Structure formats: C-alpha cells, structure tokens
Amino acid sequence: MAEETYRVSGMSCEHCVQSVTKELKQLPGVEQVDVDLTGGTVTVASAEPLDVELVRGAVDEAGYELVS
C-alpha cells in the first residue's frame, strides 16, 4: 500500500472535506482519504502510488488547489 500527503489550499469546512474525499475516492486504487482541515492537508492511501497529476485533477474538480 502507498500513502502520500498533499497540501491543499482553500479547504475550510466539512463540505470541503466531503467534496475532496468524494473526488479522490473515485481515483483507481484509492482505499482511504484523510483530510486535515487545520493543517490543510490530505493523506491518500492507495493500492499503488498515484500520479500526482491525477490527484491534482481530482482536487481541482472538487474546487480546490493542490499546492506544490
């Protein structure tokens, strides 16, 4: 299993958590998504390492921005 933590800007409420989680869980192989609003991070656990551009696209689709 692979686990990676990403910084995401713009998240501030439970709706943000739900939106980001929903989009990321649609990516192939994603098993778990943990959002930390206070830290502005999202940790994604997946069967295989994910392409960062796939993660960026899912976060963007949710209305937020992946910070490099």
PDB file of N, CA and C in Angstrom:
ATOM      1  N   MET A   1       0.845  -1.173   0.000  1.00  0.00           N
ATOM      2  CA  MET A   1       0.000   0.000   0.000  1.00  0.00           C
ATOM      3  C   MET A   1       0.895   1.241   0.000  1.00  0.00           C
ATOM      4  N   ALA A   2       0.459   2.254  -0.727  1.00  0.00           N
ATOM      5  CA  ALA A   2       1.170   3.531  -0.799  1.00  0.00           C
ATOM      6  C   ALA A   2       0.362   4.589  -0.063  1.00  0.00           C
ATOM      7  N   GLU A   3       1.077   5.504   0.593  1.00  0.00           N
ATOM      8  CA  GLU A   3       0.403   6.597   1.295  1.00  0.00           C
ATOM      9  C   GLU A   3       1.168   7.880   1.017  1.00  0.00           C
ATOM     10  N   GLU A   4       0.444   8.928   0.660  1.00  0.00           N
ATOM     11  CA  GLU A   4       1.066  10.212   0.342  1.00  0.00           C
ATOM     12  C   GLU A   4       0.216  11.326   0.926  1.00  0.00           C
ATOM     13  N   THR A   5       0.877  12.368   1.416  1.00  0.00           N
ATOM     14  CA  THR A   5       0.182  13.529   1.962  1.00  0.00           C
ATOM     15  C   THR A   5       0.421  14.723   1.053  1.00  0.00           C
ATOM     16  N   TYR A   6      -0.650  15.439   0.754  1.00  0.00           N
ATOM     17  CA  TYR A   6      -0.607  16.594  -0.145  1.00  0.00           C
ATOM     18  C   TYR A   6      -1.132  17.825   0.576  1.00  0.00           C
ATOM     19  N   ARG A   7      -0.584  18.985   0.257  1.00  0.00           N
ATOM     20  CA  ARG A   7      -1.117  20.248   0.775  1.00  0.00           C
ATOM     21  C   ARG A   7      -2.182  20.740  -0.199  1.00  0.00           C
ATOM     22  N   VAL A   8      -3.314  21.160   0.355  1.00  0.00           N
ATOM     23  CA  VAL A   8      -4.438  21.631  -0.456  1.00  0.00           C
ATOM     24  C   VAL A   8      -4.886  22.981   0.093  1.00  0.00           C
ATOM     25  N   SER A   9      -5.037  23.972  -0.787  1.00  0.00           N
ATOM     26  CA  SER A   9      -5.478  25.292  -0.334  1.00  0.00           C
ATOM     27  C   SER A   9      -6.971  25.480  -0.569  1.00  0.00           C
ATOM     28  N   GLY A  10      -7.579  26.267   0.324  1.00  0.00           N
ATOM     29  CA  GLY A  10      -8.980  26.642   0.159  1.00  0.00           C
ATOM     30  C   GLY A  10      -9.981  25.847   0.972  1.00  0.00           C
ATOM     31  N   MET A  11      -9.541  24.791   1.653  1.00  0.00           N
ATOM     32  CA  MET A  11     -10.479  23.985   2.433  1.00  0.00           C
ATOM     33  C   MET A  11     -10.715  24.641   3.794  1.00  0.00           C
ATOM     34  N   SER A  12     -11.998  24.744   4.201  1.00  0.00           N
ATOM     35  CA  SER A  12     -12.274  25.397   5.480  1.00  0.00           C
ATOM     36  C   SER A  12     -13.460  24.815   6.252  1.00  0.00           C
ATOM     37  N   CYS A  13     -14.157  23.830   5.679  1.00  0.00           N
ATOM     38  CA  CYS A  13     -15.362  23.335   6.348  1.00  0.00           C
ATOM     39  C   CYS A  13     -15.609  21.861   6.020  1.00  0.00           C
ATOM     40  N   GLU A  14     -16.638  21.300   6.640  1.00  0.00           N
ATOM     41  CA  GLU A  14     -16.973  19.891   6.420  1.00  0.00           C
ATOM     42  C   GLU A  14     -17.373  19.628   4.970  1.00  0.00           C
ATOM     43  N   HIS A  15     -18.006  20.590   4.330  1.00  0.00           N
ATOM     44  CA  HIS A  15     -18.353  20.431   2.915  1.00  0.00           C
ATOM     45  C   HIS A  15     -17.090  20.271   2.077  1.00  0.00           C
ATOM     46  N   CYS A  16     -16.054  21.016   2.409  1.00  0.00           N
ATOM     47  CA  CYS A  16     -14.770  20.900   1.712  1.00  0.00           C
ATOM     48  C   CYS A  16     -14.227  19.477   1.851  1.00  0.00           C
ATOM     49  N   VAL A  17     -14.276  18.973   3.067  1.00  0.00           N
ATOM     50  CA  VAL A  17     -13.794  17.619   3.345  1.00  0.00           C
ATOM     51  C   VAL A  17     -14.550  16.608   2.494  1.00  0.00           C
ATOM     52  N   GLN A  18     -15.858  16.714   2.472  1.00  0.00           N
ATOM     53  CA  GLN A  18     -16.682  15.776   1.712  1.00  0.00           C
ATOM     54  C   GLN A  18     -16.403  15.863   0.213  1.00  0.00           C
ATOM     55  N   SER A  19     -16.265  17.067  -0.309  1.00  0.00           N
ATOM     56  CA  SER A  19     -16.023  17.249  -1.746  1.00  0.00           C
ATOM     57  C   SER A  19     -14.690  16.650  -2.170  1.00  0.00           C
ATOM     58  N   VAL A  20     -13.639  16.962  -1.419  1.00  0.00           N
ATOM     59  CA  VAL A  20     -12.308  16.456  -1.753  1.00  0.00           C
ATOM     60  C   VAL A  20     -12.267  14.937  -1.596  1.00  0.00           C
ATOM     61  N   THR A  21     -12.835  14.435  -0.520  1.00  0.00           N
ATOM     62  CA  THR A  21     -12.855  12.989  -0.284  1.00  0.00           C
ATOM     63  C   THR A  21     -13.584  12.263  -1.406  1.00  0.00           C
ATOM     64  N   LYS A  22     -14.731  12.771  -1.798  1.00  0.00           N
ATOM     65  CA  LYS A  22     -15.524  12.142  -2.861  1.00  0.00           C
ATOM     66  C   LYS A  22     -14.732  12.049  -4.161  1.00  0.00           C
ATOM     67  N   GLU A  23     -14.100  13.138  -4.562  1.00  0.00           N
ATOM     68  CA  GLU A  23     -13.349  13.142  -5.821  1.00  0.00           C
ATOM     69  C   GLU A  23     -12.139  12.212  -5.763  1.00  0.00           C
ATOM     70  N   LEU A  24     -11.407  12.243  -4.656  1.00  0.00           N
ATOM     71  CA  LEU A  24     -10.213  11.407  -4.551  1.00  0.00           C
ATOM     72  C   LEU A  24     -10.558   9.924  -4.480  1.00  0.00           C
ATOM     73  N   LYS A  25     -11.661   9.577  -3.841  1.00  0.00           N
ATOM     74  CA  LYS A  25     -12.050   8.162  -3.741  1.00  0.00           C
ATOM     75  C   LYS A  25     -12.455   7.573  -5.088  1.00  0.00           C
ATOM     76  N   GLN A  26     -12.707   8.422  -6.066  1.00  0.00           N
ATOM     77  CA  GLN A  26     -13.055   7.935  -7.398  1.00  0.00           C
ATOM     78  C   GLN A  26     -11.822   7.519  -8.201  1.00  0.00           C
ATOM     79  N   LEU A  27     -10.634   7.888  -7.730  1.00  0.00           N
ATOM     80  CA  LEU A  27      -9.414   7.509  -8.441  1.00  0.00           C
ATOM     81  C   LEU A  27      -9.163   6.011  -8.258  1.00  0.00           C
ATOM     82  N   PRO A  28      -8.673   5.346  -9.298  1.00  0.00           N
ATOM     83  CA  PRO A  28      -8.422   3.904  -9.221  1.00  0.00           C
ATOM     84  C   PRO A  28      -7.429   3.551  -8.115  1.00  0.00           C
ATOM     85  N   GLY A  29      -7.793   2.587  -7.292  1.00  0.00           N
ATOM     86  CA  GLY A  29      -6.893   2.084  -6.270  1.00  0.00           C
ATOM     87  C   GLY A  29      -6.919   2.821  -4.944  1.00  0.00           C
ATOM     88  N   VAL A  30      -7.632   3.946  -4.873  1.00  0.00           N
ATOM     89  CA  VAL A  30      -7.671   4.707  -3.620  1.00  0.00           C
ATOM     90  C   VAL A  30      -8.503   3.941  -2.594  1.00  0.00           C
ATOM     91  N   GLU A  31      -7.909   3.715  -1.430  1.00  0.00           N
ATOM     92  CA  GLU A  31      -8.562   2.949  -0.376  1.00  0.00           C
ATOM     93  C   GLU A  31      -9.026   3.823   0.782  1.00  0.00           C
ATOM     94  N   GLN A  32      -8.306   4.917   1.042  1.00  0.00           N
ATOM     95  CA  GLN A  32      -8.659   5.775   2.171  1.00  0.00           C
ATOM     96  C   GLN A  32      -8.202   7.199   1.902  1.00  0.00           C
ATOM     97  N   VAL A  33      -9.014   8.156   2.359  1.00  0.00           N
ATOM     98  CA  VAL A  33      -8.686   9.577   2.247  1.00  0.00           C
ATOM     99  C   VAL A  33      -8.914  10.208   3.614  1.00  0.00           C
ATOM    100  N   ASP A  34      -7.894  10.879   4.132  1.00  0.00           N
ATOM    101  CA  ASP A  34      -7.998  11.588   5.410  1.00  0.00           C
ATOM    102  C   ASP A  34      -7.674  13.057   5.177  1.00  0.00           C
ATOM    103  N   VAL A  35      -8.616  13.933   5.518  1.00  0.00           N
ATOM    104  CA  VAL A  35      -8.440  15.368   5.332  1.00  0.00           C
ATOM    105  C   VAL A  35      -8.199  16.019   6.690  1.00  0.00           C
ATOM    106  N   ASP A  36      -7.161  16.841   6.770  1.00  0.00           N
ATOM    107  CA  ASP A  36      -6.849  17.615   7.976  1.00  0.00           C
ATOM    108  C   ASP A  36      -7.085  19.088   7.656  1.00  0.00           C
ATOM    109  N   LEU A  37      -8.242  19.599   8.065  1.00  0.00           N
ATOM    110  CA  LEU A  37      -8.581  20.998   7.778  1.00  0.00           C
ATOM    111  C   LEU A  37      -7.598  21.963   8.430  1.00  0.00           C
ATOM    112  N   THR A  38      -7.232  21.699   9.668  1.00  0.00           N
ATOM    113  CA  THR A  38      -6.336  22.593  10.394  1.00  0.00           C
ATOM    114  C   THR A  38      -4.987  22.712   9.692  1.00  0.00           C
ATOM    115  N   GLY A  39      -4.451  21.594   9.270  1.00  0.00           N
ATOM    116  CA  GLY A  39      -3.152  21.589   8.603  1.00  0.00           C
ATOM    117  C   GLY A  39      -3.223  21.850   7.115  1.00  0.00           C
ATOM    118  N   GLY A  40      -4.430  21.793   6.550  1.00  0.00           N
ATOM    119  CA  GLY A  40      -4.585  21.998   5.116  1.00  0.00           C
ATOM    120  C   GLY A  40      -3.976  20.885   4.287  1.00  0.00           C
ATOM    121  N   THR A  41      -4.086  19.656   4.802  1.00  0.00           N
ATOM    122  CA  THR A  41      -3.504  18.525   4.088  1.00  0.00           C
ATOM    123  C   THR A  41      -4.530  17.425   3.832  1.00  0.00           C
ATOM    124  N   VAL A  42      -4.200  16.604   2.846  1.00  0.00           N
ATOM    125  CA  VAL A  42      -4.994  15.428   2.513  1.00  0.00           C
ATOM    126  C   VAL A  42      -4.026  14.256   2.399  1.00  0.00           C
ATOM    127  N   THR A  43      -4.310  13.190   3.123  1.00  0.00           N
ATOM    128  CA  THR A  43      -3.498  11.985   3.033  1.00  0.00           C
ATOM    129  C   THR A  43      -4.305  10.926   2.302  1.00  0.00           C
ATOM    130  N   VAL A  44      -3.684  10.363   1.265  1.00  0.00           N
ATOM    131  CA  VAL A  44      -4.358   9.380   0.418  1.00  0.00           C
ATOM    132  C   VAL A  44      -3.614   8.053   0.509  1.00  0.00           C
ATOM    133  N   ALA A  45      -4.344   6.998   0.856  1.00  0.00           N
ATOM    134  CA  ALA A  45      -3.791   5.650   0.872  1.00  0.00           C
ATOM    135  C   ALA A  45      -4.352   4.913  -0.341  1.00  0.00           C
ATOM    136  N   SER A  46      -3.458   4.282  -1.093  1.00  0.00           N
ATOM    137  CA  SER A  46      -3.879   3.596  -2.317  1.00  0.00           C
ATOM    138  C   SER A  46      -3.096   2.303  -2.490  1.00  0.00           C
ATOM    139  N   ALA A  47      -3.652   1.425  -3.310  1.00  0.00           N
ATOM    140  CA  ALA A  47      -3.015   0.139  -3.564  1.00  0.00           C
ATOM    141  C   ALA A  47      -1.641   0.326  -4.204  1.00  0.00           C
ATOM    142  N   GLU A  48      -1.526   1.287  -5.097  1.00  0.00           N
ATOM    143  CA  GLU A  48      -0.285   1.605  -5.802  1.00  0.00           C
ATOM    144  C   GLU A  48      -0.055   3.109  -5.708  1.00  0.00           C
ATOM    145  N   PRO A  49       1.185   3.578  -5.854  1.00  0.00           N
ATOM    146  CA  PRO A  49       1.426   5.022  -5.859  1.00  0.00           C
ATOM    147  C   PRO A  49       0.596   5.709  -6.951  1.00  0.00           C
ATOM    148  N   LEU A  50       0.068   6.887  -6.627  1.00  0.00           N
ATOM    149  CA  LEU A  50      -0.759   7.637  -7.570  1.00  0.00           C
ATOM    150  C   LEU A  50       0.063   8.689  -8.304  1.00  0.00           C
ATOM    151  N   ASP A  51      -0.283   8.926  -9.545  1.00  0.00           N
ATOM    152  CA  ASP A  51       0.307  10.018 -10.314  1.00  0.00           C
ATOM    153  C   ASP A  51      -0.203  11.325  -9.710  1.00  0.00           C
ATOM    154  N   VAL A  52       0.704  12.223  -9.371  1.00  0.00           N
ATOM    155  CA  VAL A  52       0.324  13.480  -8.734  1.00  0.00           C
ATOM    156  C   VAL A  52      -0.638  14.289  -9.602  1.00  0.00           C
ATOM    157  N   GLU A  53      -0.557  14.147 -10.912  1.00  0.00           N
ATOM    158  CA  GLU A  53      -1.462  14.885 -11.798  1.00  0.00           C
ATOM    159  C   GLU A  53      -2.897  14.368 -11.687  1.00  0.00           C
ATOM    160  N   LEU A  54      -3.063  13.077 -11.418  1.00  0.00           N
ATOM    161  CA  LEU A  54      -4.408  12.538 -11.171  1.00  0.00           C
ATOM    162  C   LEU A  54      -4.983  13.118  -9.886  1.00  0.00           C
ATOM    163  N   VAL A  55      -4.141  13.197  -8.864  1.00  0.00           N
ATOM    164  CA  VAL A  55      -4.570  13.772  -7.587  1.00  0.00           C
ATOM    165  C   VAL A  55      -4.905  15.247  -7.780  1.00  0.00           C
ATOM    166  N   ARG A  56      -4.045  15.967  -8.488  1.00  0.00           N
ATOM    167  CA  ARG A  56      -4.274  17.387  -8.765  1.00  0.00           C
ATOM    168  C   ARG A  56      -5.609  17.591  -9.486  1.00  0.00           C
ATOM    169  N   GLY A  57      -5.899  16.756 -10.465  1.00  0.00           N
ATOM    170  CA  GLY A  57      -7.149  16.854 -11.214  1.00  0.00           C
ATOM    171  C   GLY A  57      -8.368  16.614 -10.341  1.00  0.00           C
ATOM    172  N   ALA A  58      -8.280  15.636  -9.445  1.00  0.00           N
ATOM    173  CA  ALA A  58      -9.404  15.336  -8.553  1.00  0.00           C
ATOM    174  C   ALA A  58      -9.640  16.481  -7.570  1.00  0.00           C
ATOM    175  N   VAL A  59      -8.564  17.027  -7.020  1.00  0.00           N
ATOM    176  CA  VAL A  59      -8.677  18.150  -6.087  1.00  0.00           C
ATOM    177  C   VAL A  59      -9.251  19.366  -6.810  1.00  0.00           C
ATOM    178  N   ASP A  60      -8.790  19.600  -8.030  1.00  0.00           N
ATOM    179  CA  ASP A  60      -9.298  20.710  -8.846  1.00  0.00           C
ATOM    180  C   ASP A  60     -10.789  20.526  -9.137  1.00  0.00           C
ATOM    181  N   GLU A  61     -11.186  19.314  -9.446  1.00  0.00           N
ATOM    182  CA  GLU A  61     -12.595  19.008  -9.728  1.00  0.00           C
ATOM    183  C   GLU A  61     -13.473  19.309  -8.507  1.00  0.00           C
ATOM    184  N   ALA A  62     -12.906  19.132  -7.327  1.00  0.00           N
ATOM    185  CA  ALA A  62     -13.637  19.427  -6.088  1.00  0.00           C
ATOM    186  C   ALA A  62     -13.688  20.927  -5.802  1.00  0.00           C
ATOM    187  N   GLY A  63     -12.888  21.709  -6.550  1.00  0.00           N
ATOM    188  CA  GLY A  63     -12.910  23.164  -6.381  1.00  0.00           C
ATOM    189  C   GLY A  63     -11.779  23.725  -5.541  1.00  0.00           C
ATOM    190  N   TYR A  64     -10.723  22.941  -5.359  1.00  0.00           N
ATOM    191  CA  TYR A  64      -9.600  23.366  -4.523  1.00  0.00           C
ATOM    192  C   TYR A  64      -8.302  23.224  -5.307  1.00  0.00           C
ATOM    193  N   GLU A  65      -7.194  23.628  -4.686  1.00  0.00           N
ATOM    194  CA  GLU A  65      -5.924  23.629  -5.405  1.00  0.00           C
ATOM    195  C   GLU A  65      -4.866  22.847  -4.645  1.00  0.00           C
ATOM    196  N   LEU A  66      -4.209  21.939  -5.366  1.00  0.00           N
ATOM    197  CA  LEU A  66      -3.085  21.208  -4.802  1.00  0.00           C
ATOM    198  C   LEU A  66      -1.886  22.147  -4.799  1.00  0.00           C
ATOM    199  N   VAL A  67      -1.233  22.295  -3.646  1.00  0.00           N
ATOM    200  CA  VAL A  67      -0.090  23.192  -3.510  1.00  0.00           C
ATOM    201  C   VAL A  67       1.179  22.374  -3.673  1.00  0.00           C
ATOM    202  N   SER A  68       2.056  22.820  -4.548  1.00  0.00           N
ATOM    203  CA  SER A  68       3.303  22.082  -4.790  1.00  0.00           C
ATOM    204  C   SER A  68       4.291  22.288  -3.672  1.00  0.00           C
TER     205      SER A  68
END
